[in-house]
Amino acid sequence: MPERIRWAVEHLALRPGCHVLEVGCGSGAAAQLVCERAGDTTMLAIDRSATAVARTTERNRRHVQAGTLTVRQVALAGLTVPAASFDVAFSVDVNLFWTTTAATELSVLRRALAPGGSLLIAYGTGPRPDRQDELLEQVRAAVDAHGFAAPVVLREERGSGVRARA
């Protein structure tokens, strides 16, 4: 299990019964940790890649069969869910947050999170080590501009990211 994924899941505000959204589920490692860690949690893991969706589904077959994990192939910009559906939303190593303004995607996340819900946009030790501080500040500013409360930059040995509240 990659340390950056363990780090990200450790920084989520998970509690029993919460509803979690993962953006960019990749291999399904984070989904596995979330489903195994928080009792009575339900989770939606999305990715625009059919390969990632297949990998996540296969890796987490028992969670999918139990109904605690749903995996969908959809880009975040195209995600349609009822407002305030999730208590926690997160991503690990999703580059769109630092390569674009992510305006549409952050609006989707803002709508999807319940009031007071937690957002974490996480990276390993940084999306670009030579520009880590600059890029994390760019992500923080974008999160702030889209109505999230108290966005802060987290930077530790095992990971980095931006955390905020809806």
Protein backbone atom coordinates (compact mmCIF):
# COMPACT_ATOMS: atom_id res chain seq x y z
CA MET A 1 0.00 0.00 0.00
CA PRO A 2 1.61 3.31 -1.01
CA GLU A 3 2.40 5.58 1.95
CA ARG A 4 0.79 8.63 0.29
CA ILE A 5 -2.53 6.75 0.19
CA ARG A 6 -2.24 5.64 3.81
CA TRP A 7 -1.40 9.25 4.74
CA ALA A 8 -4.43 10.62 2.88
CA VAL A 9 -6.87 8.14 4.44
CA GLU A 10 -5.45 8.89 7.90
CA HIS A 11 -6.29 12.58 7.30
CA LEU A 12 -9.93 11.96 6.34
CA ALA A 13 -12.67 12.84 8.80
CA LEU A 14 -14.08 9.31 8.75
CA ARG A 15 -16.66 8.26 11.29
CA PRO A 16 -19.18 5.42 11.36
CA GLY A 17 -22.08 5.96 9.02
CA CYS A 18 -20.47 8.62 6.87
CA HIS A 19 -20.84 8.85 3.11
CA VAL A 20 -17.55 9.16 1.24
CA LEU A 21 -16.70 10.23 -2.31
CA GLU A 22 -13.33 9.38 -3.83
CA VAL A 23 -12.34 11.20 -7.01
CA GLY A 24 -9.88 9.29 -9.17
CA CYS A 25 -9.99 5.84 -7.59
CA GLY A 26 -7.09 4.43 -9.64
CA SER A 27 -6.16 0.96 -8.39
CA GLY A 28 -8.70 0.99 -5.56
CA ALA A 29 -6.16 1.12 -2.74
CA ALA A 30 -7.72 4.11 -0.98
CA ALA A 31 -11.21 2.66 -1.37
CA GLN A 32 -9.98 -0.54 0.27
CA LEU A 33 -8.53 1.36 3.24
CA VAL A 34 -11.65 3.49 3.69
CA CYS A 35 -14.02 0.52 3.50
CA GLU A 36 -11.93 -1.47 5.98
CA ARG A 37 -11.34 1.41 8.37
CA ALA A 38 -14.65 3.11 9.03
CA GLY A 39 -17.55 0.93 10.14
CA ASP A 40 -20.92 1.36 8.48
CA THR A 41 -19.48 3.71 5.85
CA THR A 42 -20.79 3.91 2.31
CA MET A 43 -18.53 5.04 -0.47
CA LEU A 44 -18.72 6.11 -4.10
CA ALA A 45 -15.42 5.83 -5.97
CA ILE A 46 -15.25 7.46 -9.40
CA ASP A 47 -12.71 7.57 -12.18
CA ARG A 48 -12.89 8.60 -15.81
CA SER A 49 -10.81 5.54 -16.76
CA ALA A 50 -12.55 2.22 -17.45
CA THR A 51 -9.34 0.44 -16.47
CA ALA A 52 -9.26 2.17 -13.07
CA VAL A 53 -12.91 1.35 -12.45
CA ALA A 54 -12.28 -2.31 -13.29
CA ARG A 55 -9.21 -2.45 -11.01
CA THR A 56 -11.03 -0.79 -8.12
CA THR A 57 -14.04 -3.08 -8.53
CA GLU A 58 -11.88 -6.21 -8.66
CA ARG A 59 -9.70 -5.21 -5.70
CA ASN A 60 -12.76 -4.37 -3.60
CA ARG A 61 -15.18 -7.03 -4.82
CA ARG A 62 -16.40 -7.94 -1.32
CA HIS A 63 -17.16 -4.29 -0.48
CA VAL A 64 -19.00 -3.87 -3.79
CA GLN A 65 -20.98 -7.06 -3.18
CA ALA A 66 -21.78 -5.93 0.38
CA GLY A 67 -23.17 -2.67 -0.99
CA THR A 68 -20.75 -0.46 0.94
CA LEU A 69 -18.80 0.56 -2.19
CA THR A 70 -20.12 1.72 -5.54
CA VAL A 71 -17.66 2.30 -8.37
CA ARG A 72 -18.60 4.43 -11.39
CA GLN A 73 -16.84 5.47 -14.57
CA VAL A 74 -17.42 9.21 -14.76
CA ALA A 75 -15.31 12.35 -14.82
CA LEU A 76 -15.85 14.55 -11.78
CA ALA A 77 -17.15 17.36 -13.99
CA GLY A 78 -19.95 15.04 -15.16
CA LEU A 79 -20.88 13.61 -11.76
CA THR A 80 -24.53 14.05 -10.91
CA VAL A 81 -25.58 13.29 -7.34
CA PRO A 82 -28.16 14.87 -5.02
CA ALA A 83 -26.93 17.94 -3.16
CA ALA A 84 -25.26 17.29 0.20
CA SER A 85 -24.82 13.57 -0.54
CA PHE A 86 -21.40 13.16 1.06
CA ASP A 87 -19.76 13.88 4.40
CA VAL A 88 -16.23 13.42 3.06
CA ALA A 89 -14.74 13.87 -0.42
CA PHE A 90 -11.13 13.27 -1.34
CA SER A 91 -8.66 12.63 -4.11
CA VAL A 92 -5.10 11.35 -4.16
CA ASP A 93 -2.73 12.41 -6.94
CA VAL A 94 -5.46 13.83 -9.20
CA ASN A 95 -3.58 16.34 -11.30
CA LEU A 96 -6.54 18.39 -12.58
CA PHE A 97 -6.56 20.37 -9.33
CA TRP A 98 -3.10 21.81 -10.02
CA THR A 99 -2.98 21.70 -13.83
CA THR A 100 -6.29 23.55 -14.34
CA THR A 101 -8.51 25.93 -12.40
CA ALA A 102 -10.83 22.95 -11.75
CA ALA A 103 -13.72 25.40 -11.56
CA THR A 104 -16.40 22.95 -12.70
CA GLU A 105 -15.00 20.12 -10.60
CA LEU A 106 -14.77 22.18 -7.40
CA SER A 107 -18.34 23.39 -7.95
CA VAL A 108 -19.48 19.77 -8.26
CA LEU A 109 -17.66 18.90 -5.02
CA ARG A 110 -19.08 21.92 -3.19
CA ARG A 111 -22.61 20.90 -4.15
CA ALA A 112 -22.03 17.21 -3.36
CA LEU A 113 -20.70 17.81 0.15
CA ALA A 114 -23.04 18.29 3.08
CA PRO A 115 -22.62 21.49 5.11
CA GLY A 116 -19.55 21.01 7.29
CA GLY A 117 -18.38 18.14 5.10
CA SER A 118 -14.65 17.61 4.66
CA LEU A 119 -12.62 17.89 1.46
CA LEU A 120 -9.04 16.62 1.08
CA ILE A 121 -7.08 17.01 -2.14
CA ALA A 122 -3.96 14.97 -1.43
CA TYR A 123 -0.67 14.25 -3.13
CA GLY A 124 2.39 12.27 -2.21
CA THR A 125 5.25 14.47 -1.17
CA GLY A 126 3.97 16.95 -3.73
CA PRO A 127 2.71 17.02 -7.30
CA ARG A 128 6.00 18.57 -8.46
CA PRO A 129 8.70 18.51 -5.76
CA ASP A 130 10.49 21.49 -7.31
CA ARG A 131 7.29 23.57 -7.18
CA GLN A 132 5.41 21.91 -4.32
CA ASP A 133 4.70 25.02 -2.23
CA GLU A 134 3.54 27.02 -5.25
CA LEU A 135 1.24 24.28 -6.54
CA LEU A 136 -0.29 23.53 -3.14
CA GLU A 137 -0.98 27.23 -2.66
CA GLN A 138 -2.61 27.30 -6.11
CA VAL A 139 -4.90 24.42 -5.08
CA ARG A 140 -5.65 26.12 -1.74
CA ALA A 141 -6.58 29.37 -3.48
CA ALA A 142 -8.88 27.55 -5.92
CA VAL A 143 -10.61 25.70 -3.07
CA ASP A 144 -11.04 28.99 -1.21
CA ALA A 145 -12.43 30.72 -4.31
CA HIS A 146 -15.14 28.05 -4.65
CA GLY A 147 -16.70 28.62 -1.25
CA PHE A 148 -14.93 26.07 0.91
CA ALA A 149 -14.21 27.16 4.47
CA ALA A 150 -10.78 27.42 6.07
CA PRO A 151 -8.67 25.72 3.39
CA VAL A 152 -5.25 24.81 4.76
CA VAL A 153 -2.14 23.35 3.19
CA LEU A 154 -0.87 20.15 4.80
CA ARG A 155 2.73 19.23 4.21
CA GLU A 156 4.32 16.28 5.95
CA GLU A 157 7.00 13.75 5.15
CA ARG A 158 4.50 11.13 3.90
CA GLY A 159 2.14 13.39 2.03
CA SER A 160 0.79 16.81 1.23
CA GLY A 161 -2.48 18.36 0.27
CA VAL A 162 -5.23 20.85 0.91
CA ARG A 163 -7.99 20.27 3.44
CA ALA A 164 -11.16 22.36 3.77
CA ARG A 165 -14.79 22.25 4.91
CA ALA A 166 -17.95 22.71 2.91
